[in-house]
């Protein structure tokens, strides 16, 4: 994993967490009514705010002020949306590209 090669403690901590998720070595949430016993706790700073849990809200959260930064490679390199099973990748990519294409054609 490339993140492990960085010196940032925050990035290394995140990389370790992702590896633990992939290795199924995080503790499951204790069983509560309506919660799958295989679910894990996602740290609060990694969760989408509950006020807008739509794909549009996710994109706005990860790419704030994209109108000002859509040509900035570093801005884009420091953001990502992951799909652990690649089930929605095309939908997410198309939604993001459509937002950027709208800005590109209007500038």
PDB file of N, CA and C in Angstrom:
ATOM      1  N   UNK A   1       0.846  -1.176   0.000  1.00  0.00           N
ATOM      2  CA  UNK A   1       0.000   0.000   0.000  1.00  0.00           C
ATOM      3  C   UNK A   1       0.892   1.240   0.000  1.00  0.00           C
ATOM      4  N   UNK A   2       0.646   2.133  -0.960  1.00  0.00           N
ATOM      5  CA  UNK A   2       1.475   3.325  -1.112  1.00  0.00           C
ATOM      6  C   UNK A   2       1.449   4.237   0.103  1.00  0.00           C
ATOM      7  N   UNK A   3       0.325   4.297   0.785  1.00  0.00           N
ATOM      8  CA  UNK A   3       0.196   5.209   1.925  1.00  0.00           C
ATOM      9  C   UNK A   3       1.208   4.854   3.011  1.00  0.00           C
ATOM     10  N   UNK A   4       1.539   3.606   3.150  1.00  0.00           N
ATOM     11  CA  UNK A   4       2.464   3.181   4.192  1.00  0.00           C
ATOM     12  C   UNK A   4       3.864   3.769   3.978  1.00  0.00           C
ATOM     13  N   UNK A   5       4.187   4.178   2.759  1.00  0.00           N
ATOM     14  CA  UNK A   5       5.508   4.716   2.462  1.00  0.00           C
ATOM     15  C   UNK A   5       5.643   6.183   2.864  1.00  0.00           C
ATOM     16  N   UNK A   6       4.568   6.825   3.267  1.00  0.00           N
ATOM     17  CA  UNK A   6       4.631   8.235   3.634  1.00  0.00           C
ATOM     18  C   UNK A   6       5.095   8.393   5.074  1.00  0.00           C
ATOM     19  N   UNK A   7       5.477   9.599   5.411  1.00  0.00           N
ATOM     20  CA  UNK A   7       5.908   9.893   6.776  1.00  0.00           C
ATOM     21  C   UNK A   7       4.774  10.386   7.660  1.00  0.00           C
ATOM     22  N   UNK A   8       3.642  10.662   7.085  1.00  0.00           N
ATOM     23  CA  UNK A   8       2.522  11.209   7.834  1.00  0.00           C
ATOM     24  C   UNK A   8       1.922  10.145   8.759  1.00  0.00           C
ATOM     25  N   UNK A   9       1.889  10.431  10.040  1.00  0.00           N
ATOM     26  CA  UNK A   9       1.304   9.501  11.012  1.00  0.00           C
ATOM     27  C   UNK A   9      -0.179   9.291  10.721  1.00  0.00           C
ATOM     28  N   UNK A  10      -0.860  10.363  10.319  1.00  0.00           N
ATOM     29  CA  UNK A  10      -2.284  10.272  10.016  1.00  0.00           C
ATOM     30  C   UNK A  10      -2.524   9.318   8.844  1.00  0.00           C
ATOM     31  N   UNK A  11      -1.715   9.437   7.804  1.00  0.00           N
ATOM     32  CA  UNK A  11      -1.865   8.562   6.643  1.00  0.00           C
ATOM     33  C   UNK A  11      -1.513   7.114   6.993  1.00  0.00           C
ATOM     34  N   UNK A  12      -0.493   6.932   7.807  1.00  0.00           N
ATOM     35  CA  UNK A  12      -0.128   5.577   8.218  1.00  0.00           C
ATOM     36  C   UNK A  12      -1.223   4.950   9.075  1.00  0.00           C
ATOM     37  N   UNK A  13      -1.833   5.744   9.940  1.00  0.00           N
ATOM     38  CA  UNK A  13      -2.922   5.257  10.787  1.00  0.00           C
ATOM     39  C   UNK A  13      -4.119   4.853   9.916  1.00  0.00           C
ATOM     40  N   UNK A  14      -4.428   5.681   8.917  1.00  0.00           N
ATOM     41  CA  UNK A  14      -5.523   5.366   8.010  1.00  0.00           C
ATOM     42  C   UNK A  14      -5.215   4.094   7.219  1.00  0.00           C
ATOM     43  N   UNK A  15      -3.993   3.971   6.723  1.00  0.00           N
ATOM     44  CA  UNK A  15      -3.605   2.781   5.959  1.00  0.00           C
ATOM     45  C   UNK A  15      -3.735   1.521   6.798  1.00  0.00           C
ATOM     46  N   UNK A  16      -3.337   1.607   8.053  1.00  0.00           N
ATOM     47  CA  UNK A  16      -3.458   0.453   8.947  1.00  0.00           C
ATOM     48  C   UNK A  16      -4.923   0.099   9.158  1.00  0.00           C
ATOM     49  N   UNK A  17      -5.765   1.108   9.330  1.00  0.00           N
ATOM     50  CA  UNK A  17      -7.192   0.878   9.522  1.00  0.00           C
ATOM     51  C   UNK A  17      -7.780   0.192   8.288  1.00  0.00           C
ATOM     52  N   UNK A  18      -7.431   0.677   7.091  1.00  0.00           N
ATOM     53  CA  UNK A  18      -7.940   0.085   5.849  1.00  0.00           C
ATOM     54  C   UNK A  18      -7.493  -1.374   5.729  1.00  0.00           C
ATOM     55  N   UNK A  19      -6.239  -1.644   6.053  1.00  0.00           N
ATOM     56  CA  UNK A  19      -5.749  -3.028   6.018  1.00  0.00           C
ATOM     57  C   UNK A  19      -6.509  -3.905   7.004  1.00  0.00           C
ATOM     58  N   UNK A  20      -6.786  -3.365   8.183  1.00  0.00           N
ATOM     59  CA  UNK A  20      -7.559  -4.123   9.175  1.00  0.00           C
ATOM     60  C   UNK A  20      -8.978  -4.404   8.682  1.00  0.00           C
ATOM     61  N   UNK A  21      -9.576  -3.451   7.985  1.00  0.00           N
ATOM     62  CA  UNK A  21     -10.897  -3.678   7.406  1.00  0.00           C
ATOM     63  C   UNK A  21     -10.797  -4.818   6.394  1.00  0.00           C
ATOM     64  N   UNK A  22      -9.811  -4.732   5.508  1.00  0.00           N
ATOM     65  CA  UNK A  22      -9.633  -5.753   4.479  1.00  0.00           C
ATOM     66  C   UNK A  22      -9.320  -7.126   5.045  1.00  0.00           C
ATOM     67  N   UNK A  23      -8.613  -7.165   6.162  1.00  0.00           N
ATOM     68  CA  UNK A  23      -8.254  -8.439   6.802  1.00  0.00           C
ATOM     69  C   UNK A  23      -9.345  -8.948   7.735  1.00  0.00           C
ATOM     70  N   UNK A  24     -10.436  -8.203   7.840  1.00  0.00           N
ATOM     71  CA  UNK A  24     -11.541  -8.566   8.726  1.00  0.00           C
ATOM     72  C   UNK A  24     -11.079  -8.703  10.174  1.00  0.00           C
ATOM     73  N   UNK A  25     -10.170  -7.819  10.582  1.00  0.00           N
ATOM     74  CA  UNK A  25      -9.642  -7.913  11.945  1.00  0.00           C
ATOM     75  C   UNK A  25     -10.118  -6.794  12.869  1.00  0.00           C
ATOM     76  N   UNK A  26     -11.120  -6.029  12.446  1.00  0.00           N
ATOM     77  CA  UNK A  26     -11.721  -5.023  13.322  1.00  0.00           C
ATOM     78  C   UNK A  26     -12.871  -5.661  14.074  1.00  0.00           C
ATOM     79  N   UNK A  27     -13.106  -5.252  15.304  1.00  0.00           N
ATOM     80  CA  UNK A  27     -14.229  -5.835  16.046  1.00  0.00           C
ATOM     81  C   UNK A  27     -15.562  -5.406  15.436  1.00  0.00           C
ATOM     82  N   UNK A  28     -16.507  -6.324  15.412  1.00  0.00           N
ATOM     83  CA  UNK A  28     -17.847  -6.017  14.907  1.00  0.00           C
ATOM     84  C   UNK A  28     -18.604  -5.210  15.954  1.00  0.00           C
ATOM     85  N   UNK A  29     -19.573  -4.446  15.480  1.00  0.00           N
ATOM     86  CA  UNK A  29     -20.447  -3.711  16.384  1.00  0.00           C
ATOM     87  C   UNK A  29     -21.264  -4.740  17.152  1.00  0.00           C
ATOM     88  N   UNK A  30     -21.445  -4.498  18.426  1.00  0.00           N
ATOM     89  CA  UNK A  30     -22.262  -5.428  19.201  1.00  0.00           C
ATOM     90  C   UNK A  30     -23.665  -5.434  18.636  1.00  0.00           C
ATOM     91  N   UNK A  31     -24.265  -6.576  18.651  1.00  0.00           N
ATOM     92  CA  UNK A  31     -25.581  -6.723  18.035  1.00  0.00           C
ATOM     93  C   UNK A  31     -26.613  -5.802  18.672  1.00  0.00           C
ATOM     94  N   UNK A  32     -27.233  -5.025  17.832  1.00  0.00           N
ATOM     95  CA  UNK A  32     -28.342  -4.169  18.221  1.00  0.00           C
ATOM     96  C   UNK A  32     -29.471  -4.474  17.249  1.00  0.00           C
ATOM     97  N   UNK A  33     -30.664  -4.132  17.617  1.00  0.00           N
ATOM     98  CA  UNK A  33     -31.792  -4.405  16.741  1.00  0.00           C
ATOM     99  C   UNK A  33     -31.617  -3.701  15.400  1.00  0.00           C
ATOM    100  N   UNK A  34     -31.713  -4.457  14.325  1.00  0.00           N
ATOM    101  CA  UNK A  34     -31.620  -3.888  12.982  1.00  0.00           C
ATOM    102  C   UNK A  34     -30.208  -3.695  12.467  1.00  0.00           C
ATOM    103  N   UNK A  35     -29.190  -4.073  13.235  1.00  0.00           N
ATOM    104  CA  UNK A  35     -27.811  -3.903  12.786  1.00  0.00           C
ATOM    105  C   UNK A  35     -27.206  -5.264  12.495  1.00  0.00           C
ATOM    106  N   UNK A  36     -26.627  -5.386  11.323  1.00  0.00           N
ATOM    107  CA  UNK A  36     -25.968  -6.624  10.924  1.00  0.00           C
ATOM    108  C   UNK A  36     -24.784  -6.870  11.848  1.00  0.00           C
ATOM    109  N   UNK A  37     -24.629  -8.079  12.388  1.00  0.00           N
ATOM    110  CA  UNK A  37     -23.534  -8.348  13.331  1.00  0.00           C
ATOM    111  C   UNK A  37     -22.146  -8.286  12.695  1.00  0.00           C
ATOM    112  N   UNK A  38     -22.079  -8.210  11.366  1.00  0.00           N
ATOM    113  CA  UNK A  38     -20.780  -8.107  10.697  1.00  0.00           C
ATOM    114  C   UNK A  38     -20.344  -6.658  10.468  1.00  0.00           C
ATOM    115  N   UNK A  39     -21.168  -5.707  10.854  1.00  0.00           N
ATOM    116  CA  UNK A  39     -20.827  -4.311  10.647  1.00  0.00           C
ATOM    117  C   UNK A  39     -19.706  -3.895  11.577  1.00  0.00           C
ATOM    118  N   UNK A  40     -18.900  -2.936  11.110  1.00  0.00           N
ATOM    119  CA  UNK A  40     -17.826  -2.375  11.933  1.00  0.00           C
ATOM    120  C   UNK A  40     -18.116  -0.906  12.170  1.00  0.00           C
ATOM    121  N   UNK A  41     -17.454  -0.342  13.138  1.00  0.00           N
ATOM    122  CA  UNK A  41     -17.630   1.085  13.425  1.00  0.00           C
ATOM    123  C   UNK A  41     -16.687   1.884  12.521  1.00  0.00           C
ATOM    124  N   UNK A  42     -17.245   2.841  11.815  1.00  0.00           N
ATOM    125  CA  UNK A  42     -16.482   3.744  10.960  1.00  0.00           C
ATOM    126  C   UNK A  42     -16.184   4.993  11.789  1.00  0.00           C
ATOM    127  N   UNK A  43     -14.918   5.405  11.880  1.00  0.00           N
ATOM    128  CA  UNK A  43     -14.601   6.619  12.648  1.00  0.00           C
ATOM    129  C   UNK A  43     -15.427   7.811  12.152  1.00  0.00           C
ATOM    130  N   UNK A  44     -15.839   8.657  13.062  1.00  0.00           N
ATOM    131  CA  UNK A  44     -16.748   9.761  12.727  1.00  0.00           C
ATOM    132  C   UNK A  44     -16.186  10.687  11.650  1.00  0.00           C
ATOM    133  N   UNK A  45     -14.872  10.889  11.631  1.00  0.00           N
ATOM    134  CA  UNK A  45     -14.307  11.796  10.624  1.00  0.00           C
ATOM    135  C   UNK A  45     -14.312  11.188   9.221  1.00  0.00           C
ATOM    136  N   UNK A  46     -14.654   9.906   9.105  1.00  0.00           N
ATOM    137  CA  UNK A  46     -14.730   9.253   7.797  1.00  0.00           C
ATOM    138  C   UNK A  46     -16.169   9.093   7.317  1.00  0.00           C
ATOM    139  N   UNK A  47     -17.127   9.530   8.114  1.00  0.00           N
ATOM    140  CA  UNK A  47     -18.535   9.345   7.767  1.00  0.00           C
ATOM    141  C   UNK A  47     -19.105  10.570   7.087  1.00  0.00           C
ATOM    142  N   UNK A  48     -20.044  10.315   6.210  1.00  0.00           N
ATOM    143  CA  UNK A  48     -20.768  11.381   5.543  1.00  0.00           C
ATOM    144  C   UNK A  48     -21.733  12.013   6.545  1.00  0.00           C
ATOM    145  N   UNK A  49     -21.782  13.337   6.593  1.00  0.00           N
ATOM    146  CA  UNK A  49     -22.748  13.972   7.505  1.00  0.00           C
ATOM    147  C   UNK A  49     -24.161  13.476   7.198  1.00  0.00           C
ATOM    148  N   UNK A  50     -24.934  13.244   8.229  1.00  0.00           N
ATOM    149  CA  UNK A  50     -26.265  12.661   8.047  1.00  0.00           C
ATOM    150  C   UNK A  50     -27.261  13.600   7.390  1.00  0.00           C
ATOM    151  N   UNK A  51     -26.948  14.879   7.283  1.00  0.00           N
ATOM    152  CA  UNK A  51     -27.917  15.805   6.690  1.00  0.00           C
ATOM    153  C   UNK A  51     -28.120  15.564   5.195  1.00  0.00           C
ATOM    154  N   UNK A  52     -27.155  14.964   4.510  1.00  0.00           N
ATOM    155  CA  UNK A  52     -27.308  14.684   3.086  1.00  0.00           C
ATOM    156  C   UNK A  52     -26.536  13.424   2.735  1.00  0.00           C
ATOM    157  N   UNK A  53     -27.205  12.292   2.782  1.00  0.00           N
ATOM    158  CA  UNK A  53     -26.558  11.001   2.530  1.00  0.00           C
ATOM    159  C   UNK A  53     -26.721  10.550   1.083  1.00  0.00           C
ATOM    160  N   UNK A  54     -26.955  11.468   0.183  1.00  0.00           N
ATOM    161  CA  UNK A  54     -27.105  11.127  -1.228  1.00  0.00           C
ATOM    162  C   UNK A  54     -25.733  11.101  -1.899  1.00  0.00           C
ATOM    163  N   UNK A  55     -25.694  10.585  -3.113  1.00  0.00           N
ATOM    164  CA  UNK A  55     -24.446  10.598  -3.882  1.00  0.00           C
ATOM    165  C   UNK A  55     -23.993  12.039  -4.107  1.00  0.00           C
ATOM    166  N   UNK A  56     -24.937  12.898  -4.385  1.00  0.00           N
ATOM    167  CA  UNK A  56     -24.618  14.317  -4.574  1.00  0.00           C
ATOM    168  C   UNK A  56     -23.986  14.913  -3.305  1.00  0.00           C
ATOM    169  N   UNK A  57     -24.543  14.557  -2.136  1.00  0.00           N
ATOM    170  CA  UNK A  57     -23.997  15.027  -0.864  1.00  0.00           C
ATOM    171  C   UNK A  57     -22.604  14.484  -0.617  1.00  0.00           C
ATOM    172  N   UNK A  58     -22.386  13.227  -0.969  1.00  0.00           N
ATOM    173  CA  UNK A  58     -21.057  12.630  -0.833  1.00  0.00           C
ATOM    174  C   UNK A  58     -20.042  13.383  -1.683  1.00  0.00           C
ATOM    175  N   UNK A  59     -20.390  13.646  -2.921  1.00  0.00           N
ATOM    176  CA  UNK A  59     -19.474  14.363  -3.824  1.00  0.00           C
ATOM    177  C   UNK A  59     -19.211  15.770  -3.311  1.00  0.00           C
ATOM    178  N   UNK A  60     -20.262  16.464  -2.836  1.00  0.00           N
ATOM    179  CA  UNK A  60     -20.065  17.817  -2.283  1.00  0.00           C
ATOM    180  C   UNK A  60     -19.156  17.796  -1.065  1.00  0.00           C
ATOM    181  N   UNK A  61     -19.252  16.743  -0.233  1.00  0.00           N
ATOM    182  CA  UNK A  61     -18.426  16.639   0.968  1.00  0.00           C
ATOM    183  C   UNK A  61     -16.966  16.376   0.618  1.00  0.00           C
ATOM    184  N   UNK A  62     -16.726  15.479  -0.318  1.00  0.00           N
ATOM    185  CA  UNK A  62     -15.358  15.101  -0.677  1.00  0.00           C
ATOM    186  C   UNK A  62     -14.705  16.154  -1.569  1.00  0.00           C
ATOM    187  N   UNK A  63     -15.484  16.794  -2.418  1.00  0.00           N
ATOM    188  CA  UNK A  63     -14.952  17.786  -3.354  1.00  0.00           C
ATOM    189  C   UNK A  63     -15.600  19.153  -3.115  1.00  0.00           C
ATOM    190  N   UNK A  64     -15.374  19.750  -1.927  1.00  0.00           N
ATOM    191  CA  UNK A  64     -15.977  21.069  -1.679  1.00  0.00           C
ATOM    192  C   UNK A  64     -15.372  22.127  -2.600  1.00  0.00           C
ATOM    193  N   UNK A  65     -16.174  23.068  -2.995  1.00  0.00           N
ATOM    194  CA  UNK A  65     -15.720  24.166  -3.865  1.00  0.00           C
ATOM    195  C   UNK A  65     -15.034  23.655  -5.121  1.00  0.00           C
ATOM    196  N   UNK A  66     -15.531  22.565  -5.675  1.00  0.00           N
ATOM    197  CA  UNK A  66     -14.881  21.980  -6.848  1.00  0.00           C
ATOM    198  C   UNK A  66     -14.844  22.946  -8.027  1.00  0.00           C
ATOM    199  N   UNK A  67     -15.771  23.892  -8.063  1.00  0.00           N
ATOM    200  CA  UNK A  67     -15.780  24.856  -9.158  1.00  0.00           C
ATOM    201  C   UNK A  67     -14.478  25.649  -9.212  1.00  0.00           C
ATOM    202  N   UNK A  68     -13.899  25.895  -8.055  1.00  0.00           N
ATOM    203  CA  UNK A  68     -12.665  26.682  -7.971  1.00  0.00           C
ATOM    204  C   UNK A  68     -11.414  25.829  -8.166  1.00  0.00           C
ATOM    205  N   UNK A  69     -11.551  24.515  -8.018  1.00  0.00           N
ATOM    206  CA  UNK A  69     -10.368  23.655  -7.980  1.00  0.00           C
ATOM    207  C   UNK A  69     -10.340  22.561  -9.030  1.00  0.00           C
ATOM    208  N   UNK A  70     -11.313  22.517  -9.930  1.00  0.00           N
ATOM    209  CA  UNK A  70     -11.409  21.357 -10.798  1.00  0.00           C
ATOM    210  C   UNK A  70     -10.237  21.219 -11.771  1.00  0.00           C
ATOM    211  N   UNK A  71      -9.409  22.232 -11.908  1.00  0.00           N
ATOM    212  CA  UNK A  71      -8.206  22.126 -12.753  1.00  0.00           C
ATOM    213  C   UNK A  71      -6.937  21.955 -11.928  1.00  0.00           C
ATOM    214  N   UNK A  72      -7.072  21.851 -10.609  1.00  0.00           N
ATOM    215  CA  UNK A  72      -5.929  21.741  -9.706  1.00  0.00           C
ATOM    216  C   UNK A  72      -5.650  20.264  -9.417  1.00  0.00           C
ATOM    217  N   UNK A  73      -4.559  19.748  -9.980  1.00  0.00           N
ATOM    218  CA  UNK A  73      -4.236  18.323  -9.831  1.00  0.00           C
ATOM    219  C   UNK A  73      -4.024  17.934  -8.368  1.00  0.00           C
ATOM    220  N   UNK A  74      -3.406  18.796  -7.568  1.00  0.00           N
ATOM    221  CA  UNK A  74      -3.161  18.460  -6.164  1.00  0.00           C
ATOM    222  C   UNK A  74      -4.474  18.360  -5.388  1.00  0.00           C
ATOM    223  N   UNK A  75      -5.410  19.236  -5.681  1.00  0.00           N
ATOM    224  CA  UNK A  75      -6.732  19.175  -5.046  1.00  0.00           C
ATOM    225  C   UNK A  75      -7.363  17.821  -5.322  1.00  0.00           C
ATOM    226  N   UNK A  76      -7.312  17.382  -6.560  1.00  0.00           N
ATOM    227  CA  UNK A  76      -7.915  16.110  -6.932  1.00  0.00           C
ATOM    228  C   UNK A  76      -7.145  14.924  -6.367  1.00  0.00           C
ATOM    229  N   UNK A  77      -5.837  15.011  -6.316  1.00  0.00           N
ATOM    230  CA  UNK A  77      -5.012  13.913  -5.811  1.00  0.00           C
ATOM    231  C   UNK A  77      -5.236  13.647  -4.329  1.00  0.00           C
ATOM    232  N   UNK A  78      -5.657  14.652  -3.582  1.00  0.00           N
ATOM    233  CA  UNK A  78      -5.824  14.506  -2.140  1.00  0.00           C
ATOM    234  C   UNK A  78      -7.252  14.102  -1.743  1.00  0.00           C
ATOM    235  N   UNK A  79      -8.062  13.708  -2.710  1.00  0.00           N
ATOM    236  CA  UNK A  79      -9.434  13.329  -2.427  1.00  0.00           C
ATOM    237  C   UNK A  79      -9.777  12.047  -3.163  1.00  0.00           C
ATOM    238  N   UNK A  80     -10.612  11.248  -2.551  1.00  0.00           N
ATOM    239  CA  UNK A  80     -11.086  10.041  -3.239  1.00  0.00           C
ATOM    240  C   UNK A  80     -12.359   9.536  -2.576  1.00  0.00           C
ATOM    241  N   UNK A  81     -13.098   8.788  -3.346  1.00  0.00           N
ATOM    242  CA  UNK A  81     -14.278   8.089  -2.854  1.00  0.00           C
ATOM    243  C   UNK A  81     -14.021   6.617  -3.136  1.00  0.00           C
ATOM    244  N   UNK A  82     -14.037   5.816  -2.098  1.00  0.00           N
ATOM    245  CA  UNK A  82     -13.758   4.389  -2.250  1.00  0.00           C
ATOM    246  C   UNK A  82     -15.048   3.587  -2.258  1.00  0.00           C
ATOM    247  N   UNK A  83     -15.046   2.539  -3.029  1.00  0.00           N
ATOM    248  CA  UNK A  83     -16.153   1.590  -3.067  1.00  0.00           C
ATOM    249  C   UNK A  83     -15.540   0.205  -2.873  1.00  0.00           C
ATOM    250  N   UNK A  84     -15.653  -0.344  -1.677  1.00  0.00           N
ATOM    251  CA  UNK A  84     -14.940  -1.581  -1.372  1.00  0.00           C
ATOM    252  C   UNK A  84     -15.281  -2.755  -2.279  1.00  0.00           C
ATOM    253  N   UNK A  85     -16.458  -2.763  -2.863  1.00  0.00           N
ATOM    254  CA  UNK A  85     -16.829  -3.875  -3.733  1.00  0.00           C
ATOM    255  C   UNK A  85     -16.935  -3.457  -5.202  1.00  0.00           C
ATOM    256  N   UNK A  86     -16.584  -2.236  -5.517  1.00  0.00           N
ATOM    257  CA  UNK A  86     -16.647  -1.705  -6.886  1.00  0.00           C
ATOM    258  C   UNK A  86     -18.038  -1.817  -7.509  1.00  0.00           C
ATOM    259  N   UNK A  87     -19.062  -1.826  -6.684  1.00  0.00           N
ATOM    260  CA  UNK A  87     -20.416  -1.992  -7.208  1.00  0.00           C
ATOM    261  C   UNK A  87     -20.988  -0.704  -7.791  1.00  0.00           C
ATOM    262  N   UNK A  88     -20.545   0.444  -7.296  1.00  0.00           N
ATOM    263  CA  UNK A  88     -21.105   1.724  -7.744  1.00  0.00           C
ATOM    264  C   UNK A  88     -20.070   2.630  -8.391  1.00  0.00           C
ATOM    265  N   UNK A  89     -18.940   2.072  -8.747  1.00  0.00           N
ATOM    266  CA  UNK A  89     -17.841   2.893  -9.256  1.00  0.00           C
ATOM    267  C   UNK A  89     -18.245   3.688 -10.495  1.00  0.00           C
ATOM    268  N   UNK A  90     -18.887   3.049 -11.458  1.00  0.00           N
ATOM    269  CA  UNK A  90     -19.266   3.767 -12.677  1.00  0.00           C
ATOM    270  C   UNK A  90     -20.241   4.898 -12.379  1.00  0.00           C
ATOM    271  N   UNK A  91     -21.201   4.645 -11.512  1.00  0.00           N
ATOM    272  CA  UNK A  91     -22.177   5.682 -11.157  1.00  0.00           C
ATOM    273  C   UNK A  91     -21.495   6.872 -10.492  1.00  0.00           C
ATOM    274  N   UNK A  92     -20.590   6.605  -9.545  1.00  0.00           N
ATOM    275  CA  UNK A  92     -19.883   7.677  -8.841  1.00  0.00           C
ATOM    276  C   UNK A  92     -18.982   8.435  -9.812  1.00  0.00           C
ATOM    277  N   UNK A  93     -18.207   7.704 -10.610  1.00  0.00           N
ATOM    278  CA  UNK A  93     -17.308   8.355 -11.574  1.00  0.00           C
ATOM    279  C   UNK A  93     -18.080   9.229 -12.555  1.00  0.00           C
ATOM    280  N   UNK A  94     -19.178   8.722 -13.067  1.00  0.00           N
ATOM    281  CA  UNK A  94     -19.977   9.501 -14.020  1.00  0.00           C
ATOM    282  C   UNK A  94     -20.559  10.753 -13.375  1.00  0.00           C
ATOM    283  N   UNK A  95     -21.029  10.636 -12.146  1.00  0.00           N
ATOM    284  CA  UNK A  95     -21.581  11.805 -11.448  1.00  0.00           C
ATOM    285  C   UNK A  95     -20.508  12.878 -11.250  1.00  0.00           C
ATOM    286  N   UNK A  96     -19.306  12.449 -10.857  1.00  0.00           N
ATOM    287  CA  UNK A  96     -18.210  13.407 -10.653  1.00  0.00           C
ATOM    288  C   UNK A  96     -17.795  14.025 -11.986  1.00  0.00           C
ATOM    289  N   UNK A  97     -17.605  13.193 -12.986  1.00  0.00           N
ATOM    290  CA  UNK A  97     -17.204  13.709 -14.302  1.00  0.00           C
ATOM    291  C   UNK A  97     -18.231  14.684 -14.857  1.00  0.00           C
ATOM    292  N   UNK A  98     -19.509  14.381 -14.688  1.00  0.00           N
ATOM    293  CA  UNK A  98     -20.552  15.291 -15.171  1.00  0.00           C
ATOM    294  C   UNK A  98     -20.467  16.645 -14.490  1.00  0.00           C
ATOM    295  N   UNK A  99     -20.165  16.655 -13.193  1.00  0.00           N
ATOM    296  CA  UNK A  99     -20.013  17.939 -12.476  1.00  0.00           C
ATOM    297  C   UNK A  99     -18.843  18.732 -13.031  1.00  0.00           C
ATOM    298  N   UNK A 100     -17.734  18.049 -13.276  1.00  0.00           N
ATOM    299  CA  UNK A 100     -16.549  18.724 -13.795  1.00  0.00           C
ATOM    300  C   UNK A 100     -16.742  19.163 -15.240  1.00  0.00           C
ATOM    301  N   UNK A 101     -17.400  18.351 -16.045  1.00  0.00           N
ATOM    302  CA  UNK A 101     -17.633  18.724 -17.427  1.00  0.00           C
ATOM    303  C   UNK A 101     -18.519  19.963 -17.534  1.00  0.00           C
ATOM    304  N   UNK A 102     -19.500  20.081 -16.641  1.00  0.00           N
ATOM    305  CA  UNK A 102     -20.346  21.271 -16.623  1.00  0.00           C
ATOM    306  C   UNK A 102     -19.503  22.511 -16.371  1.00  0.00           C
ATOM    307  N   UNK A 103     -18.564  22.420 -15.428  1.00  0.00           N
ATOM    308  CA  UNK A 103     -17.704  23.567 -15.137  1.00  0.00           C
ATOM    309  C   UNK A 103     -16.738  23.844 -16.275  1.00  0.00           C
ATOM    310  N   UNK A 104     -16.223  22.811 -16.864  1.00  0.00           N
ATOM    311  CA  UNK A 104     -15.229  22.989 -17.929  1.00  0.00           C
ATOM    312  C   UNK A 104     -15.849  23.641 -19.153  1.00  0.00           C
ATOM    313  N   UNK A 105     -17.060  23.256 -19.492  1.00  0.00           N
ATOM    314  CA  UNK A 105     -17.691  23.808 -20.678  1.00  0.00           C
ATOM    315  C   UNK A 105     -18.237  25.216 -20.452  1.00  0.00           C
ATOM    316  N   UNK A 106     -18.351  25.643 -19.172  1.00  0.00           N
ATOM    317  CA  UNK A 106     -18.855  26.978 -18.863  1.00  0.00           C
ATOM    318  C   UNK A 106     -17.762  27.973 -18.552  1.00  0.00           C
ATOM    319  N   UNK A 107     -16.498  27.568 -18.646  1.00  0.00           N
ATOM    320  CA  UNK A 107     -15.408  28.511 -18.321  1.00  0.00           C
ATOM    321  C   UNK A 107     -14.671  28.942 -19.550  1.00  0.00           C
TER     322      UNK A 107
END
